[in-house]
């Protein structure tokens, strides 16, 4: 039983090592800042708004005011 367990652990380790990516690791893109501003006039008067954000790859955070 212990021999079988050792063989399974070694085989799992070899399979996991074989799944690695080829080549050098790629550096992620730097974070991209975002700024926006809005000024408008409506029937209720003038308004202003805006926001700031930060995105990196598929993730992003945006804060509007």
Protein backbone atom coordinates (compact mmCIF):
# COMPACT_ATOMS: atom_id res chain seq x y z
CA UNK A 1 0.00 0.00 0.00
CA UNK A 2 2.79 2.45 0.84
CA UNK A 3 4.62 1.59 -2.40
CA UNK A 4 1.50 2.32 -4.40
CA UNK A 5 1.05 5.62 -2.57
CA UNK A 6 4.67 6.60 -3.32
CA UNK A 7 4.23 5.74 -7.00
CA UNK A 8 1.01 7.77 -7.19
CA UNK A 9 2.61 10.79 -5.50
CA UNK A 10 5.67 10.63 -7.77
CA UNK A 11 3.50 10.23 -10.87
CA UNK A 12 1.30 13.15 -9.84
CA UNK A 13 4.36 15.31 -9.32
CA UNK A 14 5.74 14.42 -12.75
CA UNK A 15 2.41 15.15 -14.43
CA UNK A 16 2.16 18.49 -12.67
CA UNK A 17 5.72 19.42 -13.68
CA UNK A 18 4.94 18.50 -17.28
CA UNK A 19 2.08 21.02 -17.41
CA UNK A 20 4.36 24.05 -17.02
CA UNK A 21 4.43 26.91 -19.51
CA UNK A 22 7.24 27.17 -22.05
CA UNK A 23 9.60 30.12 -22.21
CA UNK A 24 10.37 32.99 -19.92
CA UNK A 25 7.63 34.47 -17.75
CA UNK A 26 5.89 37.52 -19.23
CA UNK A 27 5.74 40.68 -17.12
CA UNK A 28 2.20 41.98 -16.57
CA UNK A 29 1.20 45.30 -18.09
CA UNK A 30 1.56 48.31 -15.79
CA UNK A 31 -1.54 49.71 -14.13
CA UNK A 32 -3.46 52.21 -16.27
CA UNK A 33 -4.96 55.22 -14.46
CA UNK A 34 -8.26 56.69 -15.66
CA UNK A 35 -9.70 60.15 -14.98
CA UNK A 36 -13.01 61.52 -16.23
CA UNK A 37 -14.96 64.74 -15.69
CA UNK A 38 -18.53 65.70 -16.54
CA UNK A 39 -20.24 69.09 -16.53
CA UNK A 40 -23.87 69.40 -17.54
CA UNK A 41 -26.92 71.63 -17.43
CA UNK A 42 -30.42 70.29 -17.02
CA UNK A 43 -33.86 71.49 -15.97
CA UNK A 44 -32.81 71.10 -12.33
CA UNK A 45 -29.71 73.25 -12.76
CA UNK A 46 -26.04 72.63 -13.44
CA UNK A 47 -24.19 69.59 -12.21
CA UNK A 48 -20.62 68.34 -12.15
CA UNK A 49 -19.29 64.86 -11.77
CA UNK A 50 -16.24 62.80 -12.38
CA UNK A 51 -14.25 59.84 -11.33
CA UNK A 52 -10.87 58.22 -11.03
CA UNK A 53 -9.95 54.65 -11.70
CA UNK A 54 -7.15 52.16 -12.00
CA UNK A 55 -7.08 49.07 -14.20
CA UNK A 56 -4.58 46.28 -14.60
CA UNK A 57 -5.37 43.44 -16.97
CA UNK A 58 -8.96 42.25 -16.57
CA UNK A 59 -9.37 43.90 -13.15
CA UNK A 60 -10.32 47.51 -12.53
CA UNK A 61 -11.49 49.84 -9.78
CA UNK A 62 -13.41 53.05 -10.49
CA UNK A 63 -14.61 55.67 -8.00
CA UNK A 64 -17.17 58.14 -9.27
CA UNK A 65 -18.26 61.36 -7.56
